[in-house]
Amino acid sequence: MEKYITDERTGLKYELVGDYYLLAGDNEPEEEQKPIGMWGQRHLRYLKNHRKVHYANLLTSGKLNNYLSDIDRQAEEMFERLTKQMAASEDITE
């Protein structure tokens, strides 16, 4: 059996997995994997536990990693800004 087949009628590509042909992903480049820090991981846990449909939509569309990376960046910037504000209001140098 062939590893990949293409349905001429629909143009969809299928991959042989075990004994079954499953729909293969398209040939679009995969999403660039960006590092996810502490805040992104916490948001991921929140999405999995409380916003399951939103999580599934992001995951299946291939936008989850970029979304979490952006959340992580924004949260880190906010954390640094708040830390500086607290240090300035209490005259702390360290």
PDB file of N, CA and C in Angstrom:
ATOM      1  N   MET A   1       0.848  -1.180   0.000  1.00  0.00           N
ATOM      2  CA  MET A   1       0.000   0.000   0.000  1.00  0.00           C
ATOM      3  C   MET A   1       0.887   1.235   0.000  1.00  0.00           C
ATOM      4  N   GLU A   2       0.437   2.246  -0.687  1.00  0.00           N
ATOM      5  CA  GLU A   2       1.201   3.484  -0.775  1.00  0.00           C
ATOM      6  C   GLU A   2       1.102   4.263   0.534  1.00  0.00           C
ATOM      7  N   LYS A   3       2.176   4.977   0.872  1.00  0.00           N
ATOM      8  CA  LYS A   3       2.209   5.777   2.104  1.00  0.00           C
ATOM      9  C   LYS A   3       1.258   6.970   1.995  1.00  0.00           C
ATOM     10  N   TYR A   4       1.237   7.640   0.835  1.00  0.00           N
ATOM     11  CA  TYR A   4       0.360   8.790   0.611  1.00  0.00           C
ATOM     12  C   TYR A   4      -0.471   8.551  -0.638  1.00  0.00           C
ATOM     13  N   ILE A   5      -1.735   8.937  -0.586  1.00  0.00           N
ATOM     14  CA  ILE A   5      -2.578   8.927  -1.775  1.00  0.00           C
ATOM     15  C   ILE A   5      -3.326  10.255  -1.827  1.00  0.00           C
ATOM     16  N   THR A   6      -3.723  10.644  -3.023  1.00  0.00           N
ATOM     17  CA  THR A   6      -4.467  11.883  -3.207  1.00  0.00           C
ATOM     18  C   THR A   6      -5.778  11.555  -3.896  1.00  0.00           C
ATOM     19  N   ASP A   7      -6.861  12.045  -3.347  1.00  0.00           N
ATOM     20  CA  ASP A   7      -8.177  11.858  -3.951  1.00  0.00           C
ATOM     21  C   ASP A   7      -8.322  12.876  -5.076  1.00  0.00           C
ATOM     22  N   GLU A   8      -8.444  12.385  -6.325  1.00  0.00           N
ATOM     23  CA  GLU A   8      -8.519  13.284  -7.481  1.00  0.00           C
ATOM     24  C   GLU A   8      -9.782  14.133  -7.456  1.00  0.00           C
ATOM     25  N   ARG A   9     -10.860  13.572  -6.918  1.00  0.00           N
ATOM     26  CA  ARG A   9     -12.133  14.296  -6.905  1.00  0.00           C
ATOM     27  C   ARG A   9     -12.081  15.505  -5.969  1.00  0.00           C
ATOM     28  N   THR A  10     -11.511  15.321  -4.775  1.00  0.00           N
ATOM     29  CA  THR A  10     -11.500  16.406  -3.785  1.00  0.00           C
ATOM     30  C   THR A  10     -10.157  17.109  -3.678  1.00  0.00           C
ATOM     31  N   GLY A  11      -9.092  16.427  -4.123  1.00  0.00           N
ATOM     32  CA  GLY A  11      -7.764  17.012  -4.022  1.00  0.00           C
ATOM     33  C   GLY A  11      -7.142  16.854  -2.647  1.00  0.00           C
ATOM     34  N   LEU A  12      -7.801  16.104  -1.756  1.00  0.00           N
ATOM     35  CA  LEU A  12      -7.279  15.908  -0.411  1.00  0.00           C
ATOM     36  C   LEU A  12      -6.215  14.821  -0.408  1.00  0.00           C
ATOM     37  N   LYS A  13      -5.229  15.001   0.454  1.00  0.00           N
ATOM     38  CA  LYS A  13      -4.121  14.055   0.565  1.00  0.00           C
ATOM     39  C   LYS A  13      -4.308  13.215   1.825  1.00  0.00           C
ATOM     40  N   TYR A  14      -4.102  11.898   1.691  1.00  0.00           N
ATOM     41  CA  TYR A  14      -4.260  10.976   2.809  1.00  0.00           C
ATOM     42  C   TYR A  14      -2.945  10.255   3.067  1.00  0.00           C
ATOM     43  N   GLU A  15      -2.695   9.952   4.333  1.00  0.00           N
ATOM     44  CA  GLU A  15      -1.473   9.257   4.752  1.00  0.00           C
ATOM     45  C   GLU A  15      -1.852   7.925   5.387  1.00  0.00           C
ATOM     46  N   LEU A  16      -1.103   6.879   5.051  1.00  0.00           N
ATOM     47  CA  LEU A  16      -1.343   5.565   5.617  1.00  0.00           C
ATOM     48  C   LEU A  16      -0.768   5.520   7.035  1.00  0.00           C
ATOM     49  N   VAL A  17      -1.643   5.280   8.013  1.00  0.00           N
ATOM     50  CA  VAL A  17      -1.242   5.159   9.410  1.00  0.00           C
ATOM     51  C   VAL A  17      -1.779   3.823   9.900  1.00  0.00           C
ATOM     52  N   GLY A  18      -0.888   2.870  10.094  1.00  0.00           N
ATOM     53  CA  GLY A  18      -1.329   1.518  10.448  1.00  0.00           C
ATOM     54  C   GLY A  18      -2.059   0.908   9.271  1.00  0.00           C
ATOM     55  N   ASP A  19      -3.329   0.557   9.471  1.00  0.00           N
ATOM     56  CA  ASP A  19      -4.149  -0.028   8.403  1.00  0.00           C
ATOM     57  C   ASP A  19      -5.119   0.970   7.788  1.00  0.00           C
ATOM     58  N   TYR A  20      -5.066   2.228   8.213  1.00  0.00           N
ATOM     59  CA  TYR A  20      -6.058   3.203   7.783  1.00  0.00           C
ATOM     60  C   TYR A  20      -5.390   4.394   7.109  1.00  0.00           C
ATOM     61  N   TYR A  21      -6.112   4.992   6.166  1.00  0.00           N
ATOM     62  CA  TYR A  21      -5.674   6.247   5.574  1.00  0.00           C
ATOM     63  C   TYR A  21      -6.341   7.383   6.330  1.00  0.00           C
ATOM     64  N   LEU A  22      -5.521   8.273   6.857  1.00  0.00           N
ATOM     65  CA  LEU A  22      -6.016   9.444   7.573  1.00  0.00           C
ATOM     66  C   LEU A  22      -5.676  10.688   6.777  1.00  0.00           C
ATOM     67  N   LEU A  23      -6.502  11.708   6.937  1.00  0.00           N
ATOM     68  CA  LEU A  23      -6.280  12.966   6.239  1.00  0.00           C
ATOM     69  C   LEU A  23      -4.925  13.537   6.646  1.00  0.00           C
ATOM     70  N   ALA A  24      -4.083  13.769   5.665  1.00  0.00           N
ATOM     71  CA  ALA A  24      -2.752  14.322   5.933  1.00  0.00           C
ATOM     72  C   ALA A  24      -2.844  15.837   5.961  1.00  0.00           C
ATOM     73  N   GLY A  25      -1.966  16.456   6.732  1.00  0.00           N
ATOM     74  CA  GLY A  25      -1.926  17.912   6.778  1.00  0.00           C
ATOM     75  C   GLY A  25      -1.502  18.464   5.439  1.00  0.00           C
ATOM     76  N   ASP A  26      -1.886  19.703   5.197  1.00  0.00           N
ATOM     77  CA  ASP A  26      -1.482  20.314   3.935  1.00  0.00           C
ATOM     78  C   ASP A  26       0.002  20.630   3.949  1.00  0.00           C
ATOM     79  N   ASN A  27       0.512  21.071   2.844  1.00  0.00           N
ATOM     80  CA  ASN A  27       1.952  21.300   2.723  1.00  0.00           C
ATOM     81  C   ASN A  27       2.379  22.689   3.153  1.00  0.00           C
ATOM     82  N   GLU A  28       1.529  23.373   3.906  1.00  0.00           N
ATOM     83  CA  GLU A  28       1.907  24.688   4.410  1.00  0.00           C
ATOM     84  C   GLU A  28       3.008  24.523   5.446  1.00  0.00           C
ATOM     85  N   PRO A  29       3.918  25.500   5.530  1.00  0.00           N
ATOM     86  CA  PRO A  29       4.971  25.395   6.545  1.00  0.00           C
ATOM     87  C   PRO A  29       4.370  25.404   7.938  1.00  0.00           C
ATOM     88  N   GLU A  30       4.978  24.625   8.826  1.00  0.00           N
ATOM     89  CA  GLU A  30       4.487  24.580  10.196  1.00  0.00           C
ATOM     90  C   GLU A  30       4.772  25.887  10.910  1.00  0.00           C
ATOM     91  N   GLU A  31       3.974  26.136  11.918  1.00  0.00           N
ATOM     92  CA  GLU A  31       4.131  27.332  12.734  1.00  0.00           C
ATOM     93  C   GLU A  31       5.503  27.303  13.406  1.00  0.00           C
ATOM     94  N   GLU A  32       6.172  28.444  13.387  1.00  0.00           N
ATOM     95  CA  GLU A  32       7.477  28.537  14.044  1.00  0.00           C
ATOM     96  C   GLU A  32       7.279  28.368  15.547  1.00  0.00           C
ATOM     97  N   GLN A  33       8.040  27.470  16.147  1.00  0.00           N
ATOM     98  CA  GLN A  33       7.906  27.208  17.564  1.00  0.00           C
ATOM     99  C   GLN A  33       8.688  28.252  18.353  1.00  0.00           C
ATOM    100  N   LYS A  34       7.962  29.085  19.073  1.00  0.00           N
ATOM    101  CA  LYS A  34       8.577  30.109  19.912  1.00  0.00           C
ATOM    102  C   LYS A  34       8.578  29.600  21.349  1.00  0.00           C
ATOM    103  N   PRO A  35       9.574  30.006  22.119  1.00  0.00           N
ATOM    104  CA  PRO A  35       9.598  29.549  23.513  1.00  0.00           C
ATOM    105  C   PRO A  35       8.438  30.145  24.308  1.00  0.00           C
ATOM    106  N   ILE A  36       7.873  29.338  25.166  1.00  0.00           N
ATOM    107  CA  ILE A  36       6.757  29.758  26.018  1.00  0.00           C
ATOM    108  C   ILE A  36       7.258  29.764  27.448  1.00  0.00           C
ATOM    109  N   GLY A  37       7.164  30.908  28.098  1.00  0.00           N
ATOM    110  CA  GLY A  37       7.643  31.033  29.470  1.00  0.00           C
ATOM    111  C   GLY A  37       6.577  30.674  30.490  1.00  0.00           C
ATOM    112  N   MET A  38       6.838  31.070  31.710  1.00  0.00           N
ATOM    113  CA  MET A  38       5.970  30.734  32.835  1.00  0.00           C
ATOM    114  C   MET A  38       4.545  31.253  32.626  1.00  0.00           C
ATOM    115  N   TRP A  39       4.405  32.491  32.181  1.00  0.00           N
ATOM    116  CA  TRP A  39       3.076  33.084  32.039  1.00  0.00           C
ATOM    117  C   TRP A  39       2.297  32.411  30.915  1.00  0.00           C
ATOM    118  N   GLY A  40       2.961  32.073  29.836  1.00  0.00           N
ATOM    119  CA  GLY A  40       2.302  31.370  28.740  1.00  0.00           C
ATOM    120  C   GLY A  40       1.860  29.979  29.142  1.00  0.00           C
ATOM    121  N   GLN A  41       2.676  29.300  29.942  1.00  0.00           N
ATOM    122  CA  GLN A  41       2.321  27.958  30.405  1.00  0.00           C
ATOM    123  C   GLN A  41       1.129  28.011  31.360  1.00  0.00           C
ATOM    124  N   ARG A  42       1.091  29.025  32.183  1.00  0.00           N
ATOM    125  CA  ARG A  42      -0.053  29.181  33.094  1.00  0.00           C
ATOM    126  C   ARG A  42      -1.328  29.465  32.312  1.00  0.00           C
ATOM    127  N   HIS A  43      -1.213  30.296  31.262  1.00  0.00           N
ATOM    128  CA  HIS A  43      -2.383  30.597  30.443  1.00  0.00           C
ATOM    129  C   HIS A  43      -2.833  29.352  29.682  1.00  0.00           C
ATOM    130  N   LEU A  44      -1.877  28.542  29.230  1.00  0.00           N
ATOM    131  CA  LEU A  44      -2.209  27.281  28.561  1.00  0.00           C
ATOM    132  C   LEU A  44      -3.004  26.377  29.502  1.00  0.00           C
ATOM    133  N   ARG A  45      -2.568  26.268  30.747  1.00  0.00           N
ATOM    134  CA  ARG A  45      -3.279  25.453  31.733  1.00  0.00           C
ATOM    135  C   ARG A  45      -4.693  26.000  31.952  1.00  0.00           C
ATOM    136  N   TYR A  46      -4.827  27.336  31.997  1.00  0.00           N
ATOM    137  CA  TYR A  46      -6.151  27.959  32.145  1.00  0.00           C
ATOM    138  C   TYR A  46      -7.045  27.612  30.956  1.00  0.00           C
ATOM    139  N   LEU A  47      -6.496  27.730  29.746  1.00  0.00           N
ATOM    140  CA  LEU A  47      -7.286  27.418  28.555  1.00  0.00           C
ATOM    141  C   LEU A  47      -7.751  25.965  28.561  1.00  0.00           C
ATOM    142  N   LYS A  48      -6.851  25.048  28.905  1.00  0.00           N
ATOM    143  CA  LYS A  48      -7.201  23.624  28.905  1.00  0.00           C
ATOM    144  C   LYS A  48      -8.286  23.306  29.930  1.00  0.00           C
ATOM    145  N   ASN A  49      -8.271  23.997  31.070  1.00  0.00           N
ATOM    146  CA  ASN A  49      -9.219  23.698  32.144  1.00  0.00           C
ATOM    147  C   ASN A  49     -10.532  24.465  32.047  1.00  0.00           C
ATOM    148  N   HIS A  50     -10.493  25.697  31.522  1.00  0.00           N
ATOM    149  CA  HIS A  50     -11.679  26.558  31.600  1.00  0.00           C
ATOM    150  C   HIS A  50     -12.198  27.041  30.251  1.00  0.00           C
ATOM    151  N   ARG A  51     -11.372  27.046  29.225  1.00  0.00           N
ATOM    152  CA  ARG A  51     -11.795  27.549  27.902  1.00  0.00           C
ATOM    153  C   ARG A  51     -11.468  26.501  26.838  1.00  0.00           C
ATOM    154  N   LYS A  52     -12.063  25.334  26.960  1.00  0.00           N
ATOM    155  CA  LYS A  52     -11.698  24.183  26.134  1.00  0.00           C
ATOM    156  C   LYS A  52     -11.971  24.404  24.657  1.00  0.00           C
ATOM    157  N   VAL A  53     -13.046  25.072  24.309  1.00  0.00           N
ATOM    158  CA  VAL A  53     -13.363  25.311  22.898  1.00  0.00           C
ATOM    159  C   VAL A  53     -12.356  26.284  22.291  1.00  0.00           C
ATOM    160  N   HIS A  54     -12.037  27.340  23.002  1.00  0.00           N
ATOM    161  CA  HIS A  54     -11.049  28.305  22.521  1.00  0.00           C
ATOM    162  C   HIS A  54      -9.686  27.624  22.344  1.00  0.00           C
ATOM    163  N   TYR A  55      -9.318  26.793  23.313  1.00  0.00           N
ATOM    164  CA  TYR A  55      -8.064  26.037  23.226  1.00  0.00           C
ATOM    165  C   TYR A  55      -8.062  25.131  21.995  1.00  0.00           C
ATOM    166  N   ALA A  56      -9.145  24.410  21.775  1.00  0.00           N
ATOM    167  CA  ALA A  56      -9.229  23.500  20.633  1.00  0.00           C
ATOM    168  C   ALA A  56      -9.157  24.263  19.311  1.00  0.00           C
ATOM    169  N   ASN A  57      -9.807  25.414  19.244  1.00  0.00           N
ATOM    170  CA  ASN A  57      -9.766  26.225  18.022  1.00  0.00           C
ATOM    171  C   ASN A  57      -8.354  26.722  17.730  1.00  0.00           C
ATOM    172  N   LEU A  58      -7.659  27.202  18.755  1.00  0.00           N
ATOM    173  CA  LEU A  58      -6.285  27.663  18.573  1.00  0.00           C
ATOM    174  C   LEU A  58      -5.371  26.511  18.177  1.00  0.00           C
ATOM    175  N   LEU A  59      -5.560  25.369  18.797  1.00  0.00           N
ATOM    176  CA  LEU A  59      -4.717  24.211  18.522  1.00  0.00           C
ATOM    177  C   LEU A  59      -4.913  23.706  17.094  1.00  0.00           C
ATOM    178  N   THR A  60      -6.161  23.571  16.668  1.00  0.00           N
ATOM    179  CA  THR A  60      -6.427  23.032  15.334  1.00  0.00           C
ATOM    180  C   THR A  60      -6.108  24.021  14.226  1.00  0.00           C
ATOM    181  N   SER A  61      -6.142  25.305  14.527  1.00  0.00           N
ATOM    182  CA  SER A  61      -5.800  26.297  13.495  1.00  0.00           C
ATOM    183  C   SER A  61      -4.302  26.525  13.387  1.00  0.00           C
ATOM    184  N   GLY A  62      -3.530  25.980  14.340  1.00  0.00           N
ATOM    185  CA  GLY A  62      -2.081  26.144  14.314  1.00  0.00           C
ATOM    186  C   GLY A  62      -1.608  27.474  14.878  1.00  0.00           C
ATOM    187  N   LYS A  63      -2.462  28.157  15.614  1.00  0.00           N
ATOM    188  CA  LYS A  63      -2.122  29.480  16.147  1.00  0.00           C
ATOM    189  C   LYS A  63      -1.809  29.460  17.643  1.00  0.00           C
ATOM    190  N   LEU A  64      -1.858  28.292  18.268  1.00  0.00           N
ATOM    191  CA  LEU A  64      -1.697  28.208  19.716  1.00  0.00           C
ATOM    192  C   LEU A  64      -0.344  28.706  20.183  1.00  0.00           C
ATOM    193  N   ASN A  65       0.737  28.269  19.535  1.00  0.00           N
ATOM    194  CA  ASN A  65       2.074  28.649  19.985  1.00  0.00           C
ATOM    195  C   ASN A  65       2.291  30.156  19.880  1.00  0.00           C
ATOM    196  N   ASN A  66       1.892  30.768  18.771  1.00  0.00           N
ATOM    197  CA  ASN A  66       2.040  32.220  18.623  1.00  0.00           C
ATOM    198  C   ASN A  66       1.198  32.961  19.655  1.00  0.00           C
ATOM    199  N   TYR A  67      -0.005  32.474  19.899  1.00  0.00           N
ATOM    200  CA  TYR A  67      -0.896  33.088  20.877  1.00  0.00           C
ATOM    201  C   TYR A  67      -0.278  33.064  22.273  1.00  0.00           C
ATOM    202  N   LEU A  68       0.208  31.887  22.672  1.00  0.00           N
ATOM    203  CA  LEU A  68       0.803  31.755  24.009  1.00  0.00           C
ATOM    204  C   LEU A  68       2.090  32.549  24.133  1.00  0.00           C
ATOM    205  N   SER A  69       2.870  32.611  23.069  1.00  0.00           N
ATOM    206  CA  SER A  69       4.100  33.393  23.082  1.00  0.00           C
ATOM    207  C   SER A  69       3.787  34.876  23.259  1.00  0.00           C
ATOM    208  N   ASP A  70       2.747  35.343  22.594  1.00  0.00           N
ATOM    209  CA  ASP A  70       2.343  36.747  22.716  1.00  0.00           C
ATOM    210  C   ASP A  70       1.820  37.035  24.124  1.00  0.00           C
ATOM    211  N   ILE A  71       1.017  36.146  24.677  1.00  0.00           N
ATOM    212  CA  ILE A  71       0.514  36.302  26.045  1.00  0.00           C
ATOM    213  C   ILE A  71       1.684  36.355  27.028  1.00  0.00           C
ATOM    214  N   ASP A  72       2.657  35.456  26.829  1.00  0.00           N
ATOM    215  CA  ASP A  72       3.825  35.399  27.714  1.00  0.00           C
ATOM    216  C   ASP A  72       4.613  36.705  27.656  1.00  0.00           C
ATOM    217  N   ARG A  73       4.816  37.235  26.461  1.00  0.00           N
ATOM    218  CA  ARG A  73       5.567  38.480  26.292  1.00  0.00           C
ATOM    219  C   ARG A  73       4.845  39.641  26.977  1.00  0.00           C
ATOM    220  N   GLN A  74       3.530  39.747  26.752  1.00  0.00           N
ATOM    221  CA  GLN A  74       2.756  40.825  27.363  1.00  0.00           C
ATOM    222  C   GLN A  74       2.771  40.736  28.889  1.00  0.00           C
ATOM    223  N   ALA A  75       2.608  39.541  29.419  1.00  0.00           N
ATOM    224  CA  ALA A  75       2.590  39.363  30.877  1.00  0.00           C
ATOM    225  C   ALA A  75       3.952  39.678  31.479  1.00  0.00           C
ATOM    226  N   GLU A  76       5.022  39.282  30.797  1.00  0.00           N
ATOM    227  CA  GLU A  76       6.372  39.564  31.300  1.00  0.00           C
ATOM    228  C   GLU A  76       6.633  41.074  31.322  1.00  0.00           C
ATOM    229  N   GLU A  77       6.205  41.781  30.277  1.00  0.00           N
ATOM    230  CA  GLU A  77       6.360  43.235  30.242  1.00  0.00           C
ATOM    231  C   GLU A  77       5.565  43.896  31.366  1.00  0.00           C
ATOM    232  N   MET A  78       4.342  43.416  31.602  1.00  0.00           N
ATOM    233  CA  MET A  78       3.521  43.972  32.670  1.00  0.00           C
ATOM    234  C   MET A  78       4.144  43.699  34.039  1.00  0.00           C
ATOM    235  N   PHE A  79       4.671  42.501  34.237  1.00  0.00           N
ATOM    236  CA  PHE A  79       5.312  42.140  35.498  1.00  0.00           C
ATOM    237  C   PHE A  79       6.513  43.050  35.765  1.00  0.00           C
ATOM    238  N   GLU A  80       7.335  43.278  34.746  1.00  0.00           N
ATOM    239  CA  GLU A  80       8.499  44.159  34.914  1.00  0.00           C
ATOM    240  C   GLU A  80       8.075  45.587  35.220  1.00  0.00           C
ATOM    241  N   ARG A  81       7.041  46.063  34.521  1.00  0.00           N
ATOM    242  CA  ARG A  81       6.561  47.424  34.747  1.00  0.00           C
ATOM    243  C   ARG A  81       6.020  47.584  36.167  1.00  0.00           C
ATOM    244  N   LEU A  82       5.246  46.613  36.632  1.00  0.00           N
ATOM    245  CA  LEU A  82       4.701  46.684  37.992  1.00  0.00           C
ATOM    246  C   LEU A  82       5.791  46.597  39.046  1.00  0.00           C
ATOM    247  N   THR A  83       6.798  45.759  38.806  1.00  0.00           N
ATOM    248  CA  THR A  83       7.910  45.638  39.743  1.00  0.00           C
ATOM    249  C   THR A  83       8.663  46.954  39.862  1.00  0.00           C
ATOM    250  N   LYS A  84       8.903  47.615  38.726  1.00  0.00           N
ATOM    251  CA  LYS A  84       9.590  48.912  38.745  1.00  0.00           C
ATOM    252  C   LYS A  84       8.753  49.969  39.463  1.00  0.00           C
ATOM    253  N   GLN A  85       7.448  49.954  39.249  1.00  0.00           N
ATOM    254  CA  GLN A  85       6.567  50.931  39.910  1.00  0.00           C
ATOM    255  C   GLN A  85       6.556  50.715  41.423  1.00  0.00           C
ATOM    256  N   MET A  86       6.510  49.471  41.838  1.00  0.00           N
ATOM    257  CA  MET A  86       6.514  49.182  43.273  1.00  0.00           C
ATOM    258  C   MET A  86       7.848  49.584  43.898  1.00  0.00           C
ATOM    259  N   ALA A  87       8.948  49.319  43.195  1.00  0.00           N
ATOM    260  CA  ALA A  87      10.270  49.677  43.713  1.00  0.00           C
ATOM    261  C   ALA A  87      10.411  51.187  43.812  1.00  0.00           C
ATOM    262  N   ALA A  88       9.885  51.920  42.846  1.00  0.00           N
ATOM    263  CA  ALA A  88       9.970  53.377  42.863  1.00  0.00           C
ATOM    264  C   ALA A  88       9.120  53.969  43.982  1.00  0.00           C
ATOM    265  N   SER A  89       7.986  53.357  44.253  1.00  0.00           N
ATOM    266  CA  SER A  89       7.108  53.910  45.288  1.00  0.00           C
ATOM    267  C   SER A  89       7.633  53.607  46.690  1.00  0.00           C
ATOM    268  N   GLU A  90       8.476  52.592  46.838  1.00  0.00           N
ATOM    269  CA  GLU A  90       9.008  52.237  48.154  1.00  0.00           C
ATOM    270  C   GLU A  90      10.484  52.556  48.280  1.00  0.00           C
ATOM    271  N   ASP A  91      11.071  53.208  47.288  1.00  0.00           N
ATOM    272  CA  ASP A  91      12.476  53.581  47.269  1.00  0.00           C
ATOM    273  C   ASP A  91      13.390  52.366  47.501  1.00  0.00           C
ATOM    274  N   ILE A  92      13.106  51.280  46.807  1.00  0.00           N
ATOM    275  CA  ILE A  92      13.923  50.066  46.871  1.00  0.00           C
ATOM    276  C   ILE A  92      14.861  50.071  45.678  1.00  0.00           C
ATOM    277  N   THR A  93      16.133  49.772  45.927  1.00  0.00           N
ATOM    278  CA  THR A  93      17.112  49.796  44.832  1.00  0.00           C
ATOM    279  C   THR A  93      17.415  48.420  44.305  1.00  0.00           C
ATOM    280  N   GLU A  94      17.063  47.356  45.014  1.00  0.00           N
ATOM    281  CA  GLU A  94      17.366  46.009  44.537  1.00  0.00           C
ATOM    282  C   GLU A  94      16.143  45.343  43.994  1.00  0.00           C
TER     283      GLU A  94
END
